[in-house]
Amino acid sequence: MSGNQVDGYARAFDGESGALVGMAVRADSDDTETLIEEHVSGLMVQ
């Protein structure tokens, strides 16, 4: 993370960031009674 991201994280979550232990990508169409087709590509975590 860049300096601004680190500072923003510390302010938002009251502390320093830790190790990433999980990640989720999801969509929700329950309230709209529709169907979602989802495609994720080029997702990179560094």
C-alpha atoms as a PDB file:
ATOM      1  CA  MET A   1       0.000   0.000   0.000  1.00  0.00           C
ATOM      2  CA  SER A   2       1.104   3.542  -0.594  1.00  0.00           C
ATOM      3  CA  GLY A   3       1.628   5.991   2.264  1.00  0.00           C
ATOM      4  CA  ASN A   4      -1.825   7.537   1.827  1.00  0.00           C
ATOM      5  CA  GLN A   5      -3.506   4.125   1.841  1.00  0.00           C
ATOM      6  CA  VAL A   6      -1.683   3.094   5.021  1.00  0.00           C
ATOM      7  CA  ASP A   7      -2.674   6.323   6.784  1.00  0.00           C
ATOM      8  CA  GLY A   8      -6.278   5.969   5.600  1.00  0.00           C
ATOM      9  CA  TYR A   9      -6.467   2.354   6.769  1.00  0.00           C
ATOM     10  CA  ALA A  10      -5.093   3.260  10.190  1.00  0.00           C
ATOM     11  CA  ARG A  11      -7.694   6.040  10.593  1.00  0.00           C
ATOM     12  CA  ALA A  12     -10.609   3.943   9.311  1.00  0.00           C
ATOM     13  CA  PHE A  13      -9.862   0.768  11.279  1.00  0.00           C
ATOM     14  CA  ASP A  14      -8.034   2.181  14.313  1.00  0.00           C
ATOM     15  CA  GLY A  15      -4.715   0.435  13.724  1.00  0.00           C
ATOM     16  CA  GLU A  16      -2.186  -0.890  11.265  1.00  0.00           C
ATOM     17  CA  SER A  17      -3.108  -3.358   8.543  1.00  0.00           C
ATOM     18  CA  GLY A  18      -2.192  -6.999   9.001  1.00  0.00           C
ATOM     19  CA  ALA A  19      -1.728  -9.996   6.726  1.00  0.00           C
ATOM     20  CA  LEU A  20      -4.439 -10.691   4.160  1.00  0.00           C
ATOM     21  CA  VAL A  21      -6.044 -13.968   5.194  1.00  0.00           C
ATOM     22  CA  GLY A  22      -9.005 -14.055   2.826  1.00  0.00           C
ATOM     23  CA  MET A  23     -10.757 -12.258   0.027  1.00  0.00           C
ATOM     24  CA  ALA A  24     -14.226 -12.547  -1.479  1.00  0.00           C
ATOM     25  CA  VAL A  25     -15.814 -11.269  -4.667  1.00  0.00           C
ATOM     26  CA  ARG A  26     -19.574 -11.487  -4.745  1.00  0.00           C
ATOM     27  CA  ALA A  27     -22.746 -10.020  -6.158  1.00  0.00           C
ATOM     28  CA  ASP A  28     -26.267  -9.957  -4.769  1.00  0.00           C
ATOM     29  CA  SER A  29     -29.518  -9.827  -6.734  1.00  0.00           C
ATOM     30  CA  ASP A  30     -31.933 -11.024  -4.028  1.00  0.00           C
ATOM     31  CA  ASP A  31     -33.766  -7.716  -3.692  1.00  0.00           C
ATOM     32  CA  THR A  32     -34.147  -7.160  -7.422  1.00  0.00           C
ATOM     33  CA  GLU A  33     -35.360 -10.665  -8.320  1.00  0.00           C
ATOM     34  CA  THR A  34     -32.901 -10.755 -11.230  1.00  0.00           C
ATOM     35  CA  LEU A  35     -30.012 -12.976 -12.271  1.00  0.00           C
ATOM     36  CA  ILE A  36     -26.390 -11.855 -12.207  1.00  0.00           C
ATOM     37  CA  GLU A  37     -23.708 -13.221 -14.501  1.00  0.00           C
ATOM     38  CA  GLU A  38     -20.270 -12.407 -13.153  1.00  0.00           C
ATOM     39  CA  HIS A  39     -16.859 -12.537 -14.804  1.00  0.00           C
ATOM     40  CA  VAL A  40     -13.629 -11.710 -13.000  1.00  0.00           C
ATOM     41  CA  SER A  41     -10.343 -11.570 -14.857  1.00  0.00           C
ATOM     42  CA  GLY A  42      -6.948 -10.072 -14.290  1.00  0.00           C
ATOM     43  CA  LEU A  43      -7.423  -9.951 -10.511  1.00  0.00           C
ATOM     44  CA  MET A  44      -4.033  -9.494  -8.881  1.00  0.00           C
ATOM     45  CA  VAL A  45      -3.111  -9.239  -5.204  1.00  0.00           C
ATOM     46  CA  GLN A  46       0.412  -8.065  -4.446  1.00  0.00           C
END
